[in-house]
Amino acid sequence: MKLSILKSDPSAQLPTYAHPGDAGMDVRSIEELVIPPGGRALVHTGLIFLLPPNAEAQVRPRSGLALKHGVTVLNAPGTIDSGYRGEVGVVLANFGTEPFRVEKGMKVAQVVVAPVEQAEIVEVFEADETVRGTGGFGSTGI
């Protein structure tokens, strides 16, 4: 799949895959800001993804930020629909105990591009029975 990306800010950096075969590409901040403990912020990337039809991009946390600093993508995964033509922003939340400084050019999230299939919605008037039934929310144990 070819992904076209427009830089809405000249300082933006195109996403990059760290290793061959990686699912997620790193996206970087175009700004500096500080997120206090318990706070959240929209981090700008300066990128507009021109996704092809029947594709989406998911904005996901970076494991190193989560482990080392308690910083994660708040609405993970954030969804970028194929028809969206605005700047990709990353909502970071700081669950750590120290203020977190976002530096210009810092890797703030990863993006995974995936195919999308829309379901045909059909109303039914009763549910079929399965072995699992209505079991959920820990019904299989801890």
N, C-alpha and C. Protein backbone atom coordinates (compact mmCIF):
# COMPACT_ATOMS: atom_id res chain seq x y z
N MET A 1 0.86 -1.18 0.00
CA MET A 1 0.00 0.00 0.00
C MET A 1 0.90 1.24 0.00
N LYS A 2 0.53 2.20 -0.77
CA LYS A 2 1.25 3.48 -0.80
C LYS A 2 0.47 4.47 0.06
N LEU A 3 1.19 5.18 0.94
CA LEU A 3 0.57 6.17 1.81
C LEU A 3 1.15 7.54 1.47
N SER A 4 0.30 8.42 1.00
CA SER A 4 0.72 9.79 0.71
C SER A 4 0.55 10.64 1.96
N ILE A 5 1.56 11.47 2.24
CA ILE A 5 1.53 12.32 3.44
C ILE A 5 1.91 13.73 3.03
N LEU A 6 1.11 14.69 3.50
CA LEU A 6 1.36 16.10 3.26
C LEU A 6 1.88 16.72 4.55
N LYS A 7 2.96 17.49 4.45
CA LYS A 7 3.45 18.23 5.62
C LYS A 7 2.70 19.54 5.69
N SER A 8 1.94 19.73 6.79
CA SER A 8 1.23 20.99 6.99
C SER A 8 2.12 22.00 7.70
N ASP A 9 3.28 21.55 8.14
CA ASP A 9 4.27 22.40 8.79
C ASP A 9 5.63 22.02 8.22
N PRO A 10 6.44 23.02 7.81
CA PRO A 10 7.73 22.68 7.19
C PRO A 10 8.70 21.95 8.11
N SER A 11 8.51 22.04 9.43
CA SER A 11 9.42 21.35 10.35
C SER A 11 9.01 19.90 10.60
N ALA A 12 7.86 19.49 10.08
CA ALA A 12 7.38 18.13 10.29
C ALA A 12 8.33 17.12 9.65
N GLN A 13 8.42 15.96 10.28
CA GLN A 13 9.21 14.86 9.75
C GLN A 13 8.27 13.73 9.33
N LEU A 14 8.54 13.14 8.18
CA LEU A 14 7.72 12.02 7.74
C LEU A 14 7.88 10.86 8.72
N PRO A 15 6.82 10.07 8.91
CA PRO A 15 6.92 8.91 9.80
C PRO A 15 7.97 7.93 9.27
N THR A 16 8.55 7.17 10.19
CA THR A 16 9.55 6.17 9.81
C THR A 16 9.31 4.88 10.57
N TYR A 17 9.63 3.78 9.90
CA TYR A 17 9.64 2.47 10.55
C TYR A 17 11.04 2.27 11.11
N ALA A 18 11.16 1.85 12.36
CA ALA A 18 12.46 1.67 13.00
C ALA A 18 13.17 0.43 12.46
N HIS A 19 12.41 -0.61 12.13
CA HIS A 19 13.00 -1.87 11.67
C HIS A 19 12.18 -2.45 10.52
N PRO A 20 12.82 -3.19 9.63
CA PRO A 20 12.05 -3.90 8.58
C PRO A 20 11.01 -4.82 9.23
N GLY A 21 9.83 -4.81 8.70
CA GLY A 21 8.77 -5.68 9.22
C GLY A 21 7.97 -5.10 10.37
N ASP A 22 8.36 -3.92 10.89
CA ASP A 22 7.58 -3.30 11.97
C ASP A 22 6.17 -2.96 11.50
N ALA A 23 5.20 -3.12 12.38
CA ALA A 23 3.83 -2.74 12.07
C ALA A 23 3.60 -1.25 12.22
N GLY A 24 4.24 -0.66 13.21
CA GLY A 24 4.02 0.76 13.52
C GLY A 24 5.16 1.64 13.06
N MET A 25 4.78 2.80 12.54
CA MET A 25 5.76 3.82 12.16
C MET A 25 5.72 4.93 13.20
N ASP A 26 6.87 5.48 13.54
CA ASP A 26 6.96 6.52 14.55
C ASP A 26 6.58 7.88 13.97
N VAL A 27 5.77 8.63 14.72
CA VAL A 27 5.46 10.02 14.37
C VAL A 27 6.05 10.92 15.44
N ARG A 28 6.44 12.13 15.03
CA ARG A 28 7.19 13.04 15.89
C ARG A 28 6.45 14.35 16.13
N SER A 29 6.76 14.96 17.23
CA SER A 29 6.20 16.26 17.61
C SER A 29 6.86 17.38 16.81
N ILE A 30 6.08 18.41 16.50
CA ILE A 30 6.65 19.62 15.88
C ILE A 30 6.74 20.77 16.88
N GLU A 31 6.49 20.46 18.15
CA GLU A 31 6.46 21.52 19.17
C GLU A 31 7.08 21.03 20.47
N GLU A 32 7.34 22.00 21.34
CA GLU A 32 7.81 21.69 22.69
C GLU A 32 6.70 22.06 23.66
N LEU A 33 6.48 21.20 24.64
CA LEU A 33 5.49 21.48 25.67
C LEU A 33 5.76 20.59 26.87
N VAL A 34 5.15 20.92 27.99
CA VAL A 34 5.30 20.13 29.21
C VAL A 34 3.91 19.65 29.62
N ILE A 35 3.82 18.35 29.91
CA ILE A 35 2.57 17.77 30.40
C ILE A 35 2.76 17.45 31.88
N PRO A 36 2.00 18.11 32.75
CA PRO A 36 2.17 17.87 34.19
C PRO A 36 1.65 16.49 34.57
N PRO A 37 2.07 15.96 35.72
CA PRO A 37 1.52 14.69 36.19
C PRO A 37 -0.01 14.78 36.25
N GLY A 38 -0.67 13.78 35.72
CA GLY A 38 -2.13 13.78 35.68
C GLY A 38 -2.71 14.61 34.56
N GLY A 39 -1.87 15.27 33.77
CA GLY A 39 -2.34 16.14 32.69
C GLY A 39 -2.37 15.44 31.35
N ARG A 40 -2.89 16.15 30.38
CA ARG A 40 -2.94 15.66 29.00
C ARG A 40 -2.76 16.83 28.06
N ALA A 41 -2.34 16.51 26.83
CA ALA A 41 -2.13 17.57 25.85
C ALA A 41 -2.25 17.01 24.45
N LEU A 42 -2.68 17.86 23.53
CA LEU A 42 -2.69 17.52 22.12
C LEU A 42 -1.33 17.91 21.55
N VAL A 43 -0.62 16.93 21.03
CA VAL A 43 0.70 17.16 20.46
C VAL A 43 0.57 17.17 18.93
N HIS A 44 1.02 18.23 18.32
CA HIS A 44 0.91 18.39 16.86
C HIS A 44 2.06 17.68 16.15
N THR A 45 1.73 17.05 15.01
CA THR A 45 2.74 16.34 14.21
C THR A 45 3.07 17.07 12.90
N GLY A 46 2.18 17.97 12.48
CA GLY A 46 2.39 18.66 11.21
C GLY A 46 2.20 17.76 10.01
N LEU A 47 1.49 16.66 10.17
CA LEU A 47 1.29 15.69 9.09
C LEU A 47 -0.18 15.53 8.76
N ILE A 48 -0.46 15.41 7.49
CA ILE A 48 -1.81 15.08 7.01
C ILE A 48 -1.69 13.78 6.22
N PHE A 49 -2.39 12.74 6.67
CA PHE A 49 -2.36 11.44 5.99
C PHE A 49 -3.44 11.41 4.93
N LEU A 50 -3.07 11.09 3.70
CA LEU A 50 -4.02 10.92 2.61
C LEU A 50 -4.22 9.43 2.40
N LEU A 51 -4.98 8.85 3.30
CA LEU A 51 -5.19 7.41 3.26
C LEU A 51 -6.06 7.02 2.08
N PRO A 52 -5.76 5.88 1.47
CA PRO A 52 -6.62 5.40 0.38
C PRO A 52 -7.96 4.92 0.92
N PRO A 53 -8.96 4.81 0.06
CA PRO A 53 -10.25 4.27 0.51
C PRO A 53 -10.05 2.87 1.11
N ASN A 54 -10.90 2.51 2.05
CA ASN A 54 -10.86 1.20 2.70
C ASN A 54 -9.58 0.98 3.52
N ALA A 55 -9.03 2.08 4.04
CA ALA A 55 -7.88 1.97 4.93
C ALA A 55 -8.09 2.91 6.11
N GLU A 56 -7.44 2.63 7.20
CA GLU A 56 -7.44 3.49 8.37
C GLU A 56 -6.03 3.53 8.91
N ALA A 57 -5.76 4.50 9.76
CA ALA A 57 -4.51 4.54 10.50
C ALA A 57 -4.86 4.62 11.98
N GLN A 58 -4.18 3.83 12.79
CA GLN A 58 -4.41 3.81 14.23
C GLN A 58 -3.22 4.44 14.93
N VAL A 59 -3.49 5.43 15.78
CA VAL A 59 -2.45 6.09 16.57
C VAL A 59 -2.35 5.35 17.89
N ARG A 60 -1.15 4.83 18.17
CA ARG A 60 -0.95 3.98 19.34
C ARG A 60 0.19 4.50 20.20
N PRO A 61 0.20 4.10 21.48
CA PRO A 61 1.28 4.53 22.38
C PRO A 61 2.62 3.92 22.00
N ARG A 62 3.68 4.54 22.47
CA ARG A 62 5.03 3.98 22.38
C ARG A 62 5.33 3.33 23.72
N SER A 63 5.75 2.08 23.68
CA SER A 63 5.95 1.33 24.92
C SER A 63 7.03 1.95 25.81
N GLY A 64 8.06 2.52 25.22
CA GLY A 64 9.13 3.14 26.02
C GLY A 64 8.64 4.33 26.82
N LEU A 65 7.79 5.16 26.22
CA LEU A 65 7.23 6.31 26.95
C LEU A 65 6.34 5.84 28.09
N ALA A 66 5.57 4.78 27.82
CA ALA A 66 4.68 4.26 28.85
C ALA A 66 5.47 3.68 30.02
N LEU A 67 6.48 2.87 29.74
CA LEU A 67 7.24 2.22 30.80
C LEU A 67 8.12 3.20 31.57
N LYS A 68 8.85 4.04 30.86
CA LYS A 68 9.83 4.92 31.50
C LYS A 68 9.22 6.16 32.14
N HIS A 69 8.11 6.65 31.57
CA HIS A 69 7.58 7.94 32.03
C HIS A 69 6.09 7.91 32.43
N GLY A 70 5.39 6.80 32.16
CA GLY A 70 3.95 6.76 32.44
C GLY A 70 3.15 7.59 31.47
N VAL A 71 3.68 7.79 30.26
CA VAL A 71 3.02 8.62 29.25
C VAL A 71 2.45 7.71 28.17
N THR A 72 1.18 7.93 27.82
CA THR A 72 0.52 7.08 26.84
C THR A 72 -0.42 7.91 25.97
N VAL A 73 -0.88 7.31 24.89
CA VAL A 73 -1.90 7.92 24.04
C VAL A 73 -3.24 7.68 24.73
N LEU A 74 -3.94 8.76 25.04
CA LEU A 74 -5.13 8.66 25.89
C LEU A 74 -6.28 7.93 25.21
N ASN A 75 -6.51 8.16 23.95
CA ASN A 75 -7.63 7.53 23.26
C ASN A 75 -7.16 6.37 22.39
N ALA A 76 -6.24 5.59 22.91
CA ALA A 76 -5.61 4.53 22.12
C ALA A 76 -6.57 3.38 21.84
N PRO A 77 -6.61 2.88 20.62
CA PRO A 77 -5.96 3.55 19.50
C PRO A 77 -6.84 4.66 18.95
N GLY A 78 -6.22 5.77 18.64
CA GLY A 78 -6.93 6.84 17.95
C GLY A 78 -7.09 6.44 16.49
N THR A 79 -8.23 6.73 15.91
CA THR A 79 -8.50 6.32 14.54
C THR A 79 -8.43 7.50 13.59
N ILE A 80 -7.68 7.33 12.51
CA ILE A 80 -7.66 8.29 11.41
C ILE A 80 -8.40 7.63 10.26
N ASP A 81 -9.56 8.18 9.92
CA ASP A 81 -10.36 7.64 8.82
C ASP A 81 -9.81 8.08 7.48
N SER A 82 -10.12 7.30 6.44
CA SER A 82 -9.57 7.58 5.10
C SER A 82 -10.04 8.92 4.55
N GLY A 83 -11.18 9.42 4.98
CA GLY A 83 -11.68 10.69 4.47
C GLY A 83 -11.19 11.91 5.23
N TYR A 84 -10.47 11.71 6.35
CA TYR A 84 -9.99 12.83 7.17
C TYR A 84 -8.80 13.49 6.49
N ARG A 85 -8.83 14.81 6.38
CA ARG A 85 -7.74 15.54 5.73
C ARG A 85 -7.17 16.64 6.63
N GLY A 86 -7.33 16.48 7.93
CA GLY A 86 -6.74 17.41 8.87
C GLY A 86 -5.42 16.88 9.40
N GLU A 87 -4.77 17.72 10.20
CA GLU A 87 -3.49 17.34 10.79
C GLU A 87 -3.67 16.20 11.80
N VAL A 88 -2.75 15.27 11.80
CA VAL A 88 -2.75 14.21 12.80
C VAL A 88 -2.23 14.78 14.11
N GLY A 89 -3.04 14.67 15.14
CA GLY A 89 -2.65 15.09 16.47
C GLY A 89 -2.62 13.88 17.39
N VAL A 90 -1.79 13.94 18.41
CA VAL A 90 -1.65 12.84 19.35
C VAL A 90 -2.04 13.35 20.74
N VAL A 91 -3.04 12.73 21.36
CA VAL A 91 -3.45 13.10 22.70
C VAL A 91 -2.61 12.28 23.69
N LEU A 92 -1.63 12.94 24.29
CA LEU A 92 -0.78 12.27 25.28
C LEU A 92 -1.28 12.56 26.69
N ALA A 93 -1.26 11.55 27.54
CA ALA A 93 -1.61 11.69 28.95
C ALA A 93 -0.42 11.27 29.79
N ASN A 94 -0.16 12.03 30.82
CA ASN A 94 0.96 11.75 31.72
C ASN A 94 0.43 11.14 33.01
N PHE A 95 0.58 9.83 33.15
CA PHE A 95 0.18 9.13 34.37
C PHE A 95 1.38 8.95 35.31
N GLY A 96 2.50 9.55 34.94
CA GLY A 96 3.69 9.48 35.78
C GLY A 96 3.63 10.45 36.93
N THR A 97 4.72 10.49 37.70
CA THR A 97 4.77 11.35 38.89
C THR A 97 5.56 12.63 38.66
N GLU A 98 6.17 12.76 37.49
CA GLU A 98 6.98 13.93 37.16
C GLU A 98 6.42 14.61 35.91
N PRO A 99 6.62 15.92 35.76
CA PRO A 99 6.24 16.58 34.51
C PRO A 99 6.98 15.91 33.35
N PHE A 100 6.31 15.79 32.20
CA PHE A 100 6.93 15.18 31.03
C PHE A 100 7.13 16.25 29.96
N ARG A 101 8.36 16.39 29.52
CA ARG A 101 8.71 17.40 28.52
C ARG A 101 8.70 16.76 27.13
N VAL A 102 7.83 17.27 26.27
CA VAL A 102 7.81 16.87 24.86
C VAL A 102 8.76 17.81 24.12
N GLU A 103 9.73 17.25 23.46
CA GLU A 103 10.70 18.03 22.68
C GLU A 103 10.31 18.03 21.21
N LYS A 104 10.67 19.06 20.51
CA LYS A 104 10.45 19.12 19.07
C LYS A 104 11.26 17.99 18.42
N GLY A 105 10.61 17.20 17.57
CA GLY A 105 11.27 16.09 16.91
C GLY A 105 11.20 14.78 17.68
N MET A 106 10.64 14.81 18.91
CA MET A 106 10.52 13.59 19.72
C MET A 106 9.48 12.64 19.14
N LYS A 107 9.79 11.36 19.19
CA LYS A 107 8.81 10.34 18.80
C LYS A 107 7.74 10.28 19.88
N VAL A 108 6.49 10.56 19.50
CA VAL A 108 5.42 10.65 20.50
C VAL A 108 4.38 9.54 20.38
N ALA A 109 4.34 8.85 19.26
CA ALA A 109 3.36 7.79 19.06
C ALA A 109 3.80 6.95 17.88
N GLN A 110 3.10 5.85 17.71
CA GLN A 110 3.31 5.07 16.50
C GLN A 110 1.97 4.95 15.77
N VAL A 111 2.05 4.81 14.47
CA VAL A 111 0.85 4.72 13.64
C VAL A 111 0.90 3.41 12.86
N VAL A 112 -0.21 2.68 12.91
CA VAL A 112 -0.35 1.44 12.16
C VAL A 112 -1.44 1.64 11.12
N VAL A 113 -1.13 1.35 9.87
CA VAL A 113 -2.10 1.46 8.78
C VAL A 113 -2.71 0.08 8.55
N ALA A 114 -4.04 0.03 8.43
CA ALA A 114 -4.71 -1.26 8.29
C ALA A 114 -5.89 -1.15 7.33
N PRO A 115 -6.24 -2.27 6.69
CA PRO A 115 -7.42 -2.27 5.82
C PRO A 115 -8.70 -2.19 6.66
N VAL A 116 -9.74 -1.66 6.07
CA VAL A 116 -11.03 -1.52 6.74
C VAL A 116 -12.11 -2.13 5.86
N GLU A 117 -12.98 -2.87 6.50
CA GLU A 117 -14.15 -3.39 5.82
C GLU A 117 -15.37 -2.92 6.57
N GLN A 118 -16.29 -2.25 5.88
CA GLN A 118 -17.50 -1.81 6.54
C GLN A 118 -18.52 -2.93 6.56
N ALA A 119 -19.17 -3.09 7.70
CA ALA A 119 -20.16 -4.15 7.87
C ALA A 119 -21.50 -3.72 7.30
N GLU A 120 -22.24 -4.69 6.80
CA GLU A 120 -23.62 -4.45 6.41
C GLU A 120 -24.46 -4.66 7.66
N ILE A 121 -25.22 -3.65 8.07
CA ILE A 121 -26.00 -3.71 9.30
C ILE A 121 -27.35 -4.36 9.03
N VAL A 122 -27.64 -5.42 9.78
CA VAL A 122 -28.90 -6.15 9.64
C VAL A 122 -29.54 -6.26 11.02
N GLU A 123 -30.74 -5.75 11.17
CA GLU A 123 -31.43 -5.87 12.46
C GLU A 123 -32.00 -7.28 12.60
N VAL A 124 -31.82 -7.89 13.77
CA VAL A 124 -32.41 -9.18 14.09
C VAL A 124 -33.25 -9.01 15.34
N PHE A 125 -34.03 -10.02 15.66
CA PHE A 125 -34.95 -9.88 16.78
C PHE A 125 -34.71 -10.87 17.90
N GLU A 126 -33.66 -11.67 17.77
CA GLU A 126 -33.20 -12.50 18.87
C GLU A 126 -31.76 -12.93 18.58
N ALA A 127 -31.03 -13.24 19.66
CA ALA A 127 -29.63 -13.64 19.52
C ALA A 127 -29.54 -15.16 19.49
N ASP A 128 -28.63 -15.67 18.67
CA ASP A 128 -28.40 -17.12 18.67
C ASP A 128 -27.64 -17.50 19.93
N GLU A 129 -27.70 -18.77 20.31
CA GLU A 129 -27.04 -19.23 21.52
C GLU A 129 -25.63 -19.71 21.18
N THR A 130 -24.69 -19.43 22.12
CA THR A 130 -23.31 -19.88 21.96
C THR A 130 -22.86 -20.51 23.27
N VAL A 131 -21.73 -21.18 23.25
CA VAL A 131 -21.18 -21.77 24.47
C VAL A 131 -20.88 -20.68 25.49
N ARG A 132 -20.34 -19.56 25.03
CA ARG A 132 -19.99 -18.47 25.95
C ARG A 132 -21.22 -17.77 26.50
N GLY A 133 -22.20 -17.57 25.69
CA GLY A 133 -23.40 -16.88 26.12
C GLY A 133 -23.13 -15.43 26.47
N THR A 134 -23.63 -14.99 27.62
CA THR A 134 -23.47 -13.59 28.03
C THR A 134 -22.29 -13.36 28.95
N GLY A 135 -21.45 -14.37 29.13
CA GLY A 135 -20.29 -14.22 30.02
C GLY A 135 -19.32 -13.18 29.51
N GLY A 136 -18.93 -12.27 30.37
CA GLY A 136 -17.99 -11.23 30.02
C GLY A 136 -17.44 -10.57 31.28
N PHE A 137 -16.60 -9.59 31.13
CA PHE A 137 -16.07 -8.80 32.26
C PHE A 137 -15.51 -9.71 33.36
N GLY A 138 -14.55 -10.56 32.99
CA GLY A 138 -13.90 -11.41 33.98
C GLY A 138 -14.57 -12.75 34.20
N SER A 139 -15.52 -13.11 33.38
CA SER A 139 -16.25 -14.36 33.61
C SER A 139 -15.38 -15.60 33.42
N THR A 140 -14.22 -15.48 32.78
CA THR A 140 -13.34 -16.63 32.60
C THR A 140 -12.29 -16.71 33.69
N GLY A 141 -12.34 -15.84 34.66
CA GLY A 141 -11.38 -15.85 35.76
C GLY A 141 -10.36 -14.73 35.61
N ILE A 142 -9.51 -14.65 36.62
CA ILE A 142 -8.48 -13.60 36.62
C ILE A 142 -7.15 -14.19 36.24
